[in-house]
Amino acid sequence: MNASTNIDMLEATRLTREGRLAEAMAILQGHLSHTHPSTSSDGTSGNAGQKPSGRAARIIDMVPPSFGGGVWTPPKFDTSHFAPQVFDGPAGGSGLPQMPEALRSFLDRFGQSGSTLGLDRRVGPIPVRAPAPLPEGARFEERTFANEVGSRTYKLYIPSGYSGQPLPLLVMLHGCMQSPDDFAAGTQMNELAEEQTFLVAYPAQAQSANVSKCWNWFNTSDQQRDRGEPALIAGITRQIMRDFSVEPGHVYAAGLSAGGAAAAIMGAAYPDLYAAIGVHSGLACGAARDMPSAFAAMRQGGASHRSGAGQGVPAIVFHGDRDTTVNPINGDQVIAQSKSGTDLRSTISRGRAPGGISYTRTVECDESGHPMIEHWVLHGAGHAWSGGSLNGSYTEPRGPDASREMMRFFLMHPKPRTPSSM
């Protein structure tokens, strides 16, 4: 890449981050086509004249947060610059807007390829760190699940205290650009599992399914029971329940960002399987139906389009009120979906974590006084896991310990096992 091209790419990246997509496109049109002439619209290599894949590149996360951790999060695209009717997908398919797709492909090629654009890691690969040593007798195994939908690898943490007795199971769904190892390091959930003795599973999104390894929470086909990614995640859960001794009714799902949105989907689609969910910086099930509505939902919230949704499972939600990646209103919408019109009594408390982040915690209880909903609003926090470790990405160490608070909440909500959850 010559100096002039590099300067143009830097300028296109800056304009993209500011939401000035039309200006960025004008720059890219002069360089993108001859930079990688053999690259198709979905970011994969192919022969000239070959039809592009209908499963195009998708990025839903990447801009550095204003607070904490020094980690990067997603670019803010100004969705007012493009309209849902501008599609370049196959006829009858969901299709993606032409302008964001070109920009996403640009960011993928010049960010994920390892080139340093002088952006202080704002676009680029997550640093690879050596995994922490396991306690004696503990295991962190990589396993695979496959069904008629497809296959996914996952990692399973088995604490040293497991000797065949029934244990709770937590399914952790990572965010975009993350991996099971990175997510485990950042949330420190394995350390908590070792302390409290429970199983933790980390399904891994395949890059072939999403170039940025985001769970495809914005696709209607990935929001339904026994279809798409929900079928794979539920299949992983059930495989672990068959292979290990899992305590009946103590199966939970939690996630961050795209993974938080996926956790909300799992709670809505499989209320018989998951007793409760944790959604950190995520969105409600059905908040988007395609890529344009995904950007809109992230920017300003998205009303659920999911039909026939009954009362949701108990939920604990964390969201920073300075999150510029996923608007905090989405946390309110996850809560509303979980309540589903149920009359609950609210108690509000305020506090400050030892690291300095203050919070407002709303607990909503049923008629018997049992808490069904918890909503933690983190004041001054951005798009990152509260109380997490800098050994992983997307963490805010100064906040309250979301991992510990989620497990406390989960263990208060056992669900009787039914035949469909076996």
Protein backbone atom coordinates (compact mmCIF):
# COMPACT_ATOMS: atom_id res chain seq x y z
CA MET A 1 0.00 0.00 0.00
CA ASN A 2 1.55 3.37 -1.02
CA ALA A 3 1.55 6.47 1.17
CA SER A 4 -1.30 8.15 -0.70
CA THR A 5 -3.54 5.09 -0.42
CA ASN A 6 -2.73 4.72 3.28
CA ILE A 7 -3.70 8.35 3.92
CA ASP A 8 -6.96 7.85 2.04
CA MET A 9 -7.75 4.70 4.04
CA LEU A 10 -7.07 6.53 7.29
CA GLU A 11 -9.40 9.32 6.21
CA ALA A 12 -12.10 6.83 5.17
CA THR A 13 -11.84 5.14 8.56
CA ARG A 14 -12.14 8.46 10.37
CA LEU A 15 -15.20 9.46 8.35
CA THR A 16 -16.78 6.05 8.94
CA ARG A 17 -16.36 6.34 12.70
CA GLU A 18 -18.03 9.76 12.57
CA GLY A 19 -20.98 8.37 10.60
CA ARG A 20 -20.12 10.37 7.47
CA LEU A 21 -20.64 7.40 5.20
CA ALA A 22 -21.23 9.22 1.92
CA GLU A 23 -17.89 11.01 2.19
CA ALA A 24 -16.12 7.80 3.20
CA MET A 25 -17.63 5.99 0.23
CA ALA A 26 -16.38 8.67 -2.16
CA ILE A 27 -12.84 7.98 -0.95
CA LEU A 28 -13.21 4.22 -0.98
CA GLN A 29 -14.59 4.12 -4.52
CA GLY A 30 -11.25 5.38 -5.73
CA HIS A 31 -9.17 2.70 -3.95
CA LEU A 32 -11.19 -0.24 -2.71
CA SER A 33 -11.85 -1.86 -6.08
CA HIS A 34 -8.19 -2.21 -7.04
CA THR A 35 -6.81 -2.88 -3.56
CA HIS A 36 -8.17 -6.45 -3.50
CA PRO A 37 -9.54 -7.17 -6.97
CA SER A 38 -10.16 -10.88 -6.27
CA THR A 39 -12.20 -10.29 -3.12
CA SER A 40 -15.93 -10.80 -3.30
CA SER A 41 -18.59 -8.70 -1.58
CA ASP A 42 -18.64 -10.99 1.42
CA GLY A 43 -14.93 -10.51 2.04
CA THR A 44 -13.92 -13.96 0.76
CA SER A 45 -11.57 -14.72 -2.12
CA GLY A 46 -13.05 -15.97 -5.36
CA ASN A 47 -12.65 -16.10 -9.10
CA ALA A 48 -13.77 -13.25 -11.29
CA GLY A 49 -17.41 -13.53 -12.26
CA GLN A 50 -18.26 -15.78 -9.33
CA LYS A 51 -21.50 -14.85 -7.62
CA PRO A 52 -21.05 -13.35 -4.17
CA SER A 53 -22.22 -15.37 -1.22
CA GLY A 54 -25.57 -14.43 0.27
CA ARG A 55 -23.97 -14.62 3.72
CA ALA A 56 -22.14 -11.30 3.59
CA ALA A 57 -19.65 -9.79 6.00
CA ARG A 58 -21.26 -8.27 9.07
CA ILE A 59 -19.77 -6.06 11.77
CA ILE A 60 -21.83 -5.01 14.73
CA ASP A 61 -19.10 -3.98 17.22
CA MET A 62 -15.87 -1.82 17.20
CA VAL A 63 -15.02 1.75 18.77
CA PRO A 64 -12.95 2.46 21.87
CA PRO A 65 -15.16 3.26 24.90
CA SER A 66 -14.86 6.63 26.57
CA PHE A 67 -14.36 5.03 29.95
CA GLY A 68 -12.36 2.15 31.40
CA GLY A 69 -10.19 -0.60 30.16
CA GLY A 70 -8.78 1.06 27.06
CA VAL A 71 -10.56 -1.53 24.92
CA TRP A 72 -12.26 -0.84 21.60
CA THR A 73 -15.90 -1.19 20.64
CA PRO A 74 -17.91 -0.92 17.34
CA PRO A 75 -18.11 2.00 14.97
CA LYS A 76 -21.19 4.20 15.21
CA PHE A 77 -22.82 4.15 11.80
CA ASP A 78 -25.28 6.94 11.14
CA THR A 79 -28.19 4.94 9.77
CA SER A 80 -29.90 8.11 8.53
CA HIS A 81 -27.50 8.01 5.56
CA PHE A 82 -28.96 4.81 4.15
CA ALA A 83 -32.42 3.41 3.67
CA PRO A 84 -33.66 -0.16 4.10
CA GLN A 85 -34.75 -0.33 0.46
CA VAL A 86 -31.13 -0.06 -0.81
CA PHE A 87 -30.13 -3.73 -0.96
CA ASP A 88 -27.43 -5.61 -2.76
CA GLY A 89 -28.39 -9.06 -1.50
CA PRO A 90 -29.90 -11.87 -3.55
CA ALA A 91 -33.49 -11.56 -4.69
CA GLY A 92 -35.85 -12.61 -1.96
CA GLY A 93 -33.04 -12.50 0.64
CA SER A 94 -32.62 -10.10 3.51
CA GLY A 95 -29.95 -8.15 1.61
CA LEU A 96 -27.58 -5.60 3.09
CA PRO A 97 -27.35 -1.88 2.37
CA GLN A 98 -24.69 -1.23 -0.27
CA MET A 99 -22.93 1.59 1.54
CA PRO A 100 -22.37 -0.02 4.96
CA GLU A 101 -21.38 -3.30 3.33
CA ALA A 102 -18.51 -1.72 1.42
CA LEU A 103 -17.37 0.07 4.53
CA ARG A 104 -17.63 -3.06 6.64
CA SER A 105 -15.57 -4.95 4.08
CA PHE A 106 -13.02 -2.15 4.16
CA LEU A 107 -12.75 -2.27 7.94
CA ASP A 108 -12.46 -6.06 7.86
CA ARG A 109 -9.68 -6.16 5.31
CA PHE A 110 -7.57 -3.35 6.70
CA GLY A 111 -8.31 -3.93 10.36
CA GLN A 112 -8.42 -7.68 10.79
CA SER A 113 -5.55 -8.27 8.38
CA GLY A 114 -3.27 -6.89 11.08
CA SER A 115 -2.34 -3.63 9.35
CA THR A 116 -1.77 -0.83 11.83
CA LEU A 117 -3.70 2.21 10.66
CA GLY A 118 -2.37 4.44 13.39
CA LEU A 119 -5.66 4.18 15.24
CA ASP A 120 -4.32 3.00 18.60
CA ARG A 121 -5.97 -0.42 18.28
CA ARG A 122 -9.33 1.09 17.42
CA VAL A 123 -9.40 -1.22 14.43
CA GLY A 124 -7.36 -4.40 14.70
CA PRO A 125 -7.08 -7.85 16.20
CA ILE A 126 -7.52 -8.52 19.90
CA PRO A 127 -4.15 -9.19 21.57
CA VAL A 128 -3.54 -12.88 22.17
CA ARG A 129 -2.63 -13.64 25.76
CA ALA A 130 -1.45 -16.87 27.26
CA PRO A 131 -4.30 -18.65 29.10
CA ALA A 132 -4.22 -18.55 32.87
CA PRO A 133 -3.07 -21.78 34.51
CA LEU A 134 -5.91 -24.03 35.62
CA PRO A 135 -6.37 -25.06 39.24
CA GLU A 136 -5.32 -28.62 39.92
CA GLY A 137 -8.13 -30.97 38.92
CA ALA A 138 -10.01 -28.38 36.82
CA ARG A 139 -10.49 -28.72 33.06
CA PHE A 140 -11.21 -26.25 30.27
CA GLU A 141 -12.06 -28.47 27.32
CA GLU A 142 -12.81 -27.68 23.69
CA ARG A 143 -15.73 -29.70 22.37
CA THR A 144 -17.97 -29.72 19.29
CA PHE A 145 -21.70 -29.98 18.74
CA ALA A 146 -23.40 -30.67 15.41
CA ASN A 147 -27.00 -31.06 14.29
CA GLU A 148 -29.01 -30.59 11.11
CA VAL A 149 -28.54 -26.80 11.35
CA GLY A 150 -24.75 -26.91 11.46
CA SER A 151 -21.99 -27.21 14.01
CA ARG A 152 -20.18 -25.06 16.56
CA THR A 153 -17.22 -25.60 18.81
CA TYR A 154 -17.45 -24.57 22.44
CA LYS A 155 -15.32 -24.61 25.55
CA LEU A 156 -16.51 -26.06 28.82
CA TYR A 157 -15.06 -25.23 32.21
CA ILE A 158 -15.30 -28.12 34.66
CA PRO A 159 -14.30 -27.02 38.17
CA SER A 160 -11.97 -29.10 40.29
CA GLY A 161 -14.81 -29.66 42.75
CA TYR A 162 -16.86 -31.63 40.23
CA SER A 163 -16.98 -35.33 41.05
CA GLY A 164 -20.21 -36.32 39.33
CA GLN A 165 -22.64 -34.46 41.59
CA PRO A 166 -25.34 -32.29 39.95
CA LEU A 167 -24.09 -28.76 39.28
CA PRO A 168 -25.65 -25.60 37.84
CA LEU A 169 -24.78 -24.85 34.21
CA LEU A 170 -24.20 -21.37 32.80
CA VAL A 171 -23.97 -20.78 29.03
CA MET A 172 -21.90 -17.68 28.25
CA LEU A 173 -22.29 -16.00 24.83
CA HIS A 174 -19.40 -13.78 23.78
CA GLY A 175 -19.58 -10.48 21.91
CA CYS A 176 -18.29 -9.61 18.44
CA MET A 177 -14.58 -10.09 17.82
CA GLN A 178 -14.33 -12.20 20.97
CA SER A 179 -13.58 -15.88 21.58
CA PRO A 180 -14.41 -18.26 24.43
CA ASP A 181 -10.94 -17.82 25.92
CA ASP A 182 -11.07 -14.04 25.68
CA PHE A 183 -14.58 -13.90 27.14
CA ALA A 184 -13.67 -16.24 29.98
CA ALA A 185 -10.60 -14.13 30.80
CA GLY A 186 -12.52 -10.86 30.72
CA THR A 187 -15.54 -11.94 32.76
CA GLN A 188 -13.49 -14.13 35.13
CA MET A 189 -16.43 -16.53 35.13
CA ASN A 190 -14.15 -19.59 35.34
CA GLU A 191 -12.64 -18.30 38.57
CA LEU A 192 -16.14 -17.80 39.97
CA ALA A 193 -17.13 -21.29 38.81
CA GLU A 194 -14.12 -22.72 40.63
CA GLU A 195 -15.09 -20.84 43.78
CA GLN A 196 -18.80 -21.70 43.70
CA THR A 197 -18.61 -25.02 41.81
CA PHE A 198 -20.69 -24.80 38.65
CA LEU A 199 -20.17 -25.61 34.98
CA VAL A 200 -19.59 -22.87 32.39
CA ALA A 201 -19.97 -23.33 28.64
CA TYR A 202 -18.72 -20.85 26.04
CA PRO A 203 -20.15 -21.49 22.56
CA ALA A 204 -17.91 -20.04 19.83
CA GLN A 205 -19.42 -18.23 16.89
CA ALA A 206 -17.85 -19.37 13.64
CA GLN A 207 -16.20 -16.76 11.45
CA SER A 208 -17.78 -18.50 8.48
CA ALA A 209 -21.18 -17.55 9.94
CA ASN A 210 -20.19 -13.96 10.71
CA VAL A 211 -16.90 -12.41 9.69
CA SER A 212 -16.62 -10.56 13.01
CA LYS A 213 -17.79 -13.59 15.00
CA CYS A 214 -20.97 -11.81 16.10
CA TRP A 215 -23.99 -13.90 16.96
CA ASN A 216 -26.54 -13.05 14.28
CA TRP A 217 -29.16 -11.74 16.70
CA PHE A 218 -30.59 -9.43 14.02
CA ASN A 219 -31.68 -12.20 11.63
CA THR A 220 -35.24 -13.45 12.04
CA SER A 221 -34.04 -16.96 11.22
CA ASP A 222 -31.69 -16.76 14.23
CA GLN A 223 -34.40 -15.65 16.65
CA GLN A 224 -36.62 -18.72 16.64
CA ARG A 225 -36.79 -21.97 18.55
CA ASP A 226 -35.20 -24.97 16.83
CA ARG A 227 -33.88 -22.85 13.97
CA GLY A 228 -30.53 -21.26 13.20
CA GLU A 229 -28.18 -20.31 15.98
CA PRO A 230 -30.72 -20.81 18.82
CA ALA A 231 -30.93 -24.48 17.81
CA LEU A 232 -27.14 -24.75 17.97
CA ILE A 233 -26.84 -23.05 21.36
CA ALA A 234 -29.70 -25.11 22.80
CA GLY A 235 -28.09 -28.21 21.32
CA ILE A 236 -24.79 -27.44 23.06
CA THR A 237 -26.69 -26.94 26.31
CA ARG A 238 -28.48 -30.27 26.02
CA GLN A 239 -25.31 -32.09 25.02
CA ILE A 240 -23.64 -30.92 28.24
CA MET A 241 -26.72 -31.97 30.20
CA ARG A 242 -26.36 -35.46 28.73
CA ASP A 243 -22.60 -35.73 29.21
CA PHE A 244 -22.38 -34.24 32.70
CA SER A 245 -24.48 -34.16 35.81
CA VAL A 246 -26.42 -30.88 35.63
CA GLU A 247 -28.70 -29.83 38.46
CA PRO A 248 -32.31 -29.88 37.27
CA GLY A 249 -33.72 -26.40 36.78
CA HIS A 250 -30.38 -24.66 37.20
CA VAL A 251 -29.49 -23.87 33.58
CA TYR A 252 -28.86 -20.24 32.65
CA ALA A 253 -27.68 -18.12 29.70
CA ALA A 254 -25.82 -14.81 29.73
CA GLY A 255 -23.94 -12.71 27.23
CA LEU A 256 -22.36 -9.40 26.27
CA SER A 257 -23.43 -7.12 23.41
CA ALA A 258 -24.32 -9.41 20.47
CA GLY A 259 -24.02 -12.28 22.94
CA GLY A 260 -26.37 -10.46 25.31
CA ALA A 261 -28.90 -10.15 22.50
CA ALA A 262 -28.45 -13.87 21.80
CA ALA A 263 -29.04 -14.64 25.50
CA ALA A 264 -32.30 -12.67 25.34
CA ILE A 265 -33.30 -14.76 22.33
CA MET A 266 -32.51 -18.00 24.17
CA GLY A 267 -34.66 -16.96 27.13
CA ALA A 268 -37.57 -16.08 24.82
CA ALA A 269 -37.25 -19.15 22.59
CA TYR A 270 -36.46 -21.75 25.28
CA PRO A 271 -38.13 -20.71 28.56
CA ASP A 272 -38.41 -24.40 29.41
CA LEU A 273 -34.64 -24.88 29.13
CA TYR A 274 -33.18 -21.73 30.70
CA ALA A 275 -34.33 -20.73 34.15
CA ALA A 276 -33.05 -17.13 33.87
CA ILE A 277 -30.92 -14.95 31.61
CA GLY A 278 -28.29 -12.24 32.00
CA VAL A 279 -28.03 -9.52 29.35
CA HIS A 280 -25.05 -7.16 29.48
CA SER A 281 -25.10 -4.26 27.01
CA GLY A 282 -27.44 -6.20 24.75
CA LEU A 283 -30.82 -5.94 23.05
CA ALA A 284 -34.24 -7.55 23.34
CA CYS A 285 -35.27 -10.55 21.29
CA GLY A 286 -36.66 -9.33 17.97
CA ALA A 287 -35.26 -5.80 18.31
CA ALA A 288 -34.09 -6.07 14.69
CA ARG A 289 -34.99 -8.13 11.64
CA ASP A 290 -32.07 -7.33 9.34
CA MET A 291 -28.91 -5.25 9.16
CA PRO A 292 -30.51 -1.80 8.68
CA SER A 293 -32.87 -2.29 11.60
CA ALA A 294 -29.94 -3.65 13.67
CA PHE A 295 -28.03 -0.38 13.32
CA ALA A 296 -31.21 1.55 14.07
CA ALA A 297 -31.89 -0.53 17.19
CA MET A 298 -28.33 -0.11 18.42
CA ARG A 299 -28.57 3.64 17.93
CA GLN A 300 -32.04 4.36 19.28
CA GLY A 301 -33.56 1.11 20.55
CA GLY A 302 -35.77 -1.29 18.67
CA ALA A 303 -39.30 -2.42 19.38
CA SER A 304 -39.59 -6.19 19.44
CA HIS A 305 -41.08 -7.64 16.29
CA ARG A 306 -41.33 -11.09 17.81
CA SER A 307 -44.93 -12.31 17.68
CA GLY A 308 -46.55 -14.62 20.15
CA ALA A 309 -44.06 -13.87 22.92
CA GLY A 310 -45.34 -14.93 26.30
CA GLN A 311 -44.00 -14.00 29.70
CA GLY A 312 -40.22 -14.09 29.67
CA VAL A 313 -37.88 -15.80 32.07
CA PRO A 314 -36.37 -13.89 35.03
CA ALA A 315 -33.66 -11.53 33.81
CA ILE A 316 -30.76 -9.51 35.18
CA VAL A 317 -29.59 -6.66 32.96
CA PHE A 318 -26.44 -4.52 33.08
CA HIS A 319 -25.97 -1.48 30.84
CA GLY A 320 -23.68 1.55 30.96
CA ASP A 321 -25.45 4.87 30.56
CA ARG A 322 -22.51 6.15 28.47
CA ASP A 323 -22.69 3.25 26.04
CA THR A 324 -22.35 4.77 22.55
CA THR A 325 -22.44 1.37 20.84
CA VAL A 326 -25.75 -0.04 22.09
CA ASN A 327 -28.10 2.65 23.33
CA PRO A 328 -28.96 2.09 27.04
CA ILE A 329 -32.66 2.20 26.15
CA ASN A 330 -32.17 -1.33 24.89
CA GLY A 331 -31.63 -2.46 28.48
CA ASP A 332 -35.05 -1.03 29.34
CA GLN A 333 -36.53 -2.96 26.44
CA VAL A 334 -34.98 -6.24 27.61
CA ILE A 335 -36.60 -5.62 31.00
CA ALA A 336 -39.97 -4.81 29.41
CA GLN A 337 -39.83 -7.99 27.34
CA SER A 338 -39.01 -10.11 30.39
CA LYS A 339 -41.87 -8.57 32.36
CA SER A 340 -44.30 -8.97 29.46
CA GLY A 341 -46.95 -6.89 31.20
CA THR A 342 -46.62 -8.65 34.55
CA ASP A 343 -47.38 -6.41 37.52
CA LEU A 344 -44.24 -6.30 39.67
CA ARG A 345 -43.25 -4.11 42.60
CA SER A 346 -40.06 -2.09 42.20
CA THR A 347 -37.38 -1.17 44.71
CA ILE A 348 -34.60 1.22 43.71
CA SER A 349 -31.22 1.47 45.40
CA ARG A 350 -28.01 3.30 44.56
CA GLY A 351 -24.40 2.57 45.29
CA ARG A 352 -20.81 2.83 44.17
CA ALA A 353 -18.46 -0.03 43.30
CA PRO A 354 -15.02 -0.11 44.95
CA GLY A 355 -13.53 0.86 41.57
CA GLY A 356 -15.52 4.10 41.50
CA ILE A 357 -18.40 3.42 39.10
CA SER A 358 -21.73 4.37 40.66
CA TYR A 359 -24.92 2.53 39.76
CA THR A 360 -28.67 2.50 40.13
CA ARG A 361 -30.15 -0.93 40.81
CA THR A 362 -33.84 -1.61 40.30
CA VAL A 363 -35.25 -4.87 41.67
CA GLU A 364 -38.76 -5.93 40.66
CA CYS A 365 -40.53 -8.56 42.75
CA ASP A 366 -43.67 -10.63 42.33
CA GLU A 367 -46.57 -10.71 44.79
CA SER A 368 -44.67 -13.05 47.10
CA GLY A 369 -41.72 -10.68 47.25
CA HIS A 370 -39.48 -12.90 45.10
CA PRO A 371 -37.23 -10.83 42.80
CA MET A 372 -37.93 -11.54 39.12
CA ILE A 373 -36.04 -8.68 37.44
CA GLU A 374 -32.85 -6.77 38.23
CA HIS A 375 -31.71 -3.78 36.22
CA TRP A 376 -28.27 -2.28 36.88
CA VAL A 377 -27.61 1.09 35.22
CA LEU A 378 -23.88 1.86 35.40
CA HIS A 379 -23.25 5.60 35.50
CA GLY A 380 -20.39 6.77 33.33
CA ALA A 381 -19.68 3.28 31.96
CA GLY A 382 -19.46 2.42 28.28
CA HIS A 383 -19.81 -0.77 26.25
CA ALA A 384 -17.95 -3.23 28.46
CA TRP A 385 -18.42 -6.04 31.01
CA SER A 386 -18.73 -4.48 34.45
CA GLY A 387 -16.17 -5.60 37.01
CA GLY A 388 -14.25 -7.57 34.41
CA SER A 389 -10.52 -8.13 34.01
CA LEU A 390 -8.20 -6.32 31.61
CA ASN A 391 -6.93 -9.77 30.60
CA GLY A 392 -9.95 -9.86 28.27
CA SER A 393 -11.53 -7.36 25.88
CA TYR A 394 -14.59 -5.15 26.45
CA THR A 395 -14.19 -4.88 30.22
CA GLU A 396 -14.79 -2.12 32.76
CA PRO A 397 -12.86 -3.15 35.91
CA ARG A 398 -14.14 -0.15 37.89
CA GLY A 399 -17.74 -1.31 37.88
CA PRO A 400 -19.67 -3.70 40.14
CA ASP A 401 -18.91 -7.38 39.59
CA ALA A 402 -21.49 -8.37 36.96
CA SER A 403 -20.35 -12.01 36.93
CA ARG A 404 -20.86 -12.46 40.66
CA GLU A 405 -24.16 -10.56 40.69
CA MET A 406 -25.50 -12.60 37.78
CA MET A 407 -24.71 -15.90 39.47
CA ARG A 408 -26.30 -14.70 42.70
CA PHE A 409 -29.45 -13.83 40.76
CA PHE A 410 -29.43 -17.06 38.75
CA LEU A 411 -29.19 -19.32 41.76
CA MET A 412 -32.31 -17.67 43.18
CA HIS A 413 -34.30 -18.92 40.17
CA PRO A 414 -34.44 -22.68 39.78
CA LYS A 415 -36.91 -24.03 37.26
CA PRO A 416 -38.48 -27.51 37.39
CA ARG A 417 -37.13 -29.63 34.54
CA THR A 418 -39.68 -30.65 31.93
CA PRO A 419 -39.37 -33.37 29.27
CA SER A 420 -38.74 -30.72 26.57
CA SER A 421 -35.71 -29.40 28.47
CA MET A 422 -34.04 -32.80 28.79
